[in-house]
């Protein structure tokens, strides 16, 4: 087994999750089973996402997530978010 370093690995997925968590941006999440969740990302780690929605909290395995995207307030906001995402 390899030794883990204390430096956090920044992936595109982690950047996305951190952004929607920190801004409390509502997201839509589709699981590989086809089930859809809408709500907020509360916290996440390498294996799980703590997700808050109208019925409470769910701990979702990251391997079970097929698609996740932010729920914009308007079409213009959606276009701007994706165009600016990923730029340093």
C-alpha atoms as a PDB file:
ATOM      1  CA  UNK A   1       0.000   0.000   0.000  1.00  0.00           C
ATOM      2  CA  UNK A   2       1.335   3.447  -0.839  1.00  0.00           C
ATOM      3  CA  UNK A   3       1.852   6.103   1.788  1.00  0.00           C
ATOM      4  CA  UNK A   4      -0.455   9.114   1.511  1.00  0.00           C
ATOM      5  CA  UNK A   5       0.952  12.594   1.614  1.00  0.00           C
ATOM      6  CA  UNK A   6      -0.582  15.412   3.618  1.00  0.00           C
ATOM      7  CA  UNK A   7      -0.939  17.523   0.472  1.00  0.00           C
ATOM      8  CA  UNK A   8      -4.507  17.461  -0.820  1.00  0.00           C
ATOM      9  CA  UNK A   9      -4.844  16.365  -4.414  1.00  0.00           C
ATOM     10  CA  UNK A  10      -6.840  18.971  -6.329  1.00  0.00           C
ATOM     11  CA  UNK A  11      -8.912  17.361  -9.053  1.00  0.00           C
ATOM     12  CA  UNK A  12     -11.531  18.960 -11.238  1.00  0.00           C
ATOM     13  CA  UNK A  13     -14.206  17.055  -9.310  1.00  0.00           C
ATOM     14  CA  UNK A  14     -12.846  18.326  -5.973  1.00  0.00           C
ATOM     15  CA  UNK A  15     -12.729  21.903  -7.278  1.00  0.00           C
ATOM     16  CA  UNK A  16     -16.348  21.607  -8.425  1.00  0.00           C
ATOM     17  CA  UNK A  17     -17.497  20.136  -5.102  1.00  0.00           C
ATOM     18  CA  UNK A  18     -15.594  22.763  -3.109  1.00  0.00           C
ATOM     19  CA  UNK A  19     -17.083  25.577  -5.198  1.00  0.00           C
ATOM     20  CA  UNK A  20     -20.706  24.429  -4.858  1.00  0.00           C
ATOM     21  CA  UNK A  21     -20.199  23.672  -1.161  1.00  0.00           C
ATOM     22  CA  UNK A  22     -18.639  27.056  -0.353  1.00  0.00           C
ATOM     23  CA  UNK A  23     -21.214  29.055  -2.348  1.00  0.00           C
ATOM     24  CA  UNK A  24     -24.196  26.920  -1.246  1.00  0.00           C
ATOM     25  CA  UNK A  25     -25.057  26.544  -4.934  1.00  0.00           C
ATOM     26  CA  UNK A  26     -27.926  24.060  -5.371  1.00  0.00           C
ATOM     27  CA  UNK A  27     -27.006  21.081  -7.544  1.00  0.00           C
ATOM     28  CA  UNK A  28     -28.729  18.244  -9.323  1.00  0.00           C
ATOM     29  CA  UNK A  29     -27.127  14.841  -8.885  1.00  0.00           C
ATOM     30  CA  UNK A  30     -27.977  11.710 -10.881  1.00  0.00           C
ATOM     31  CA  UNK A  31     -26.868   8.395  -9.473  1.00  0.00           C
ATOM     32  CA  UNK A  32     -25.824   5.470 -11.671  1.00  0.00           C
ATOM     33  CA  UNK A  33     -29.150   3.849 -10.697  1.00  0.00           C
ATOM     34  CA  UNK A  34     -30.947   6.757 -12.424  1.00  0.00           C
ATOM     35  CA  UNK A  35     -32.223   8.280  -9.165  1.00  0.00           C
ATOM     36  CA  UNK A  36     -32.049  12.090  -9.024  1.00  0.00           C
ATOM     37  CA  UNK A  37     -31.252  14.203  -5.979  1.00  0.00           C
ATOM     38  CA  UNK A  38     -31.514  17.994  -5.815  1.00  0.00           C
ATOM     39  CA  UNK A  39     -29.993  19.966  -2.980  1.00  0.00           C
ATOM     40  CA  UNK A  40     -26.674  21.175  -1.572  1.00  0.00           C
ATOM     41  CA  UNK A  41     -23.278  19.619  -1.000  1.00  0.00           C
ATOM     42  CA  UNK A  42     -22.532  19.913   2.726  1.00  0.00           C
ATOM     43  CA  UNK A  43     -19.160  18.139   2.795  1.00  0.00           C
ATOM     44  CA  UNK A  44     -17.124  15.641   0.791  1.00  0.00           C
ATOM     45  CA  UNK A  45     -14.046  13.470   0.945  1.00  0.00           C
ATOM     46  CA  UNK A  46     -12.301  10.977  -1.350  1.00  0.00           C
ATOM     47  CA  UNK A  47     -15.130   8.447  -1.186  1.00  0.00           C
ATOM     48  CA  UNK A  48     -18.338  10.196  -0.127  1.00  0.00           C
ATOM     49  CA  UNK A  49     -20.480  13.308  -0.523  1.00  0.00           C
ATOM     50  CA  UNK A  50     -22.742  14.510   2.288  1.00  0.00           C
ATOM     51  CA  UNK A  51     -25.777  15.874   0.477  1.00  0.00           C
ATOM     52  CA  UNK A  52     -28.578  17.988   2.001  1.00  0.00           C
ATOM     53  CA  UNK A  53     -32.019  18.018   0.407  1.00  0.00           C
ATOM     54  CA  UNK A  54     -35.611  18.620   1.464  1.00  0.00           C
ATOM     55  CA  UNK A  55     -35.923  15.342   3.383  1.00  0.00           C
ATOM     56  CA  UNK A  56     -32.666  15.689   5.319  1.00  0.00           C
ATOM     57  CA  UNK A  57     -29.125  14.516   4.662  1.00  0.00           C
ATOM     58  CA  UNK A  58     -27.778  11.596   2.656  1.00  0.00           C
ATOM     59  CA  UNK A  59     -24.267  10.209   2.504  1.00  0.00           C
ATOM     60  CA  UNK A  60     -23.672   9.310  -1.148  1.00  0.00           C
ATOM     61  CA  UNK A  61     -20.767   7.212  -2.354  1.00  0.00           C
ATOM     62  CA  UNK A  62     -18.857   9.131  -5.040  1.00  0.00           C
ATOM     63  CA  UNK A  63     -18.673   5.936  -7.095  1.00  0.00           C
ATOM     64  CA  UNK A  64     -22.500   5.974  -7.253  1.00  0.00           C
ATOM     65  CA  UNK A  65     -22.655   9.453  -8.866  1.00  0.00           C
ATOM     66  CA  UNK A  66     -23.102   9.484 -12.633  1.00  0.00           C
ATOM     67  CA  UNK A  67     -23.663  13.220 -13.235  1.00  0.00           C
ATOM     68  CA  UNK A  68     -23.743  16.355 -11.090  1.00  0.00           C
ATOM     69  CA  UNK A  69     -24.328  19.922 -12.204  1.00  0.00           C
ATOM     70  CA  UNK A  70     -25.234  23.273 -10.609  1.00  0.00           C
ATOM     71  CA  UNK A  71     -28.811  24.471 -10.754  1.00  0.00           C
ATOM     72  CA  UNK A  72     -28.612  28.032 -12.108  1.00  0.00           C
ATOM     73  CA  UNK A  73     -31.103  30.767 -11.368  1.00  0.00           C
ATOM     74  CA  UNK A  74     -31.127  31.799 -15.040  1.00  0.00           C
ATOM     75  CA  UNK A  75     -29.845  30.633 -18.442  1.00  0.00           C
ATOM     76  CA  UNK A  76     -27.305  33.484 -18.523  1.00  0.00           C
ATOM     77  CA  UNK A  77     -25.924  32.455 -15.122  1.00  0.00           C
ATOM     78  CA  UNK A  78     -25.599  28.863 -16.340  1.00  0.00           C
ATOM     79  CA  UNK A  79     -23.621  29.857 -19.433  1.00  0.00           C
ATOM     80  CA  UNK A  80     -21.353  32.184 -17.446  1.00  0.00           C
ATOM     81  CA  UNK A  81     -20.665  29.582 -14.750  1.00  0.00           C
ATOM     82  CA  UNK A  82     -19.490  26.940 -17.217  1.00  0.00           C
ATOM     83  CA  UNK A  83     -17.440  29.365 -19.297  1.00  0.00           C
ATOM     84  CA  UNK A  84     -15.543  30.636 -16.250  1.00  0.00           C
ATOM     85  CA  UNK A  85     -15.194  27.294 -14.489  1.00  0.00           C
ATOM     86  CA  UNK A  86     -11.763  25.787 -14.629  1.00  0.00           C
ATOM     87  CA  UNK A  87      -9.960  29.062 -15.207  1.00  0.00           C
ATOM     88  CA  UNK A  88      -7.430  29.907 -12.510  1.00  0.00           C
END
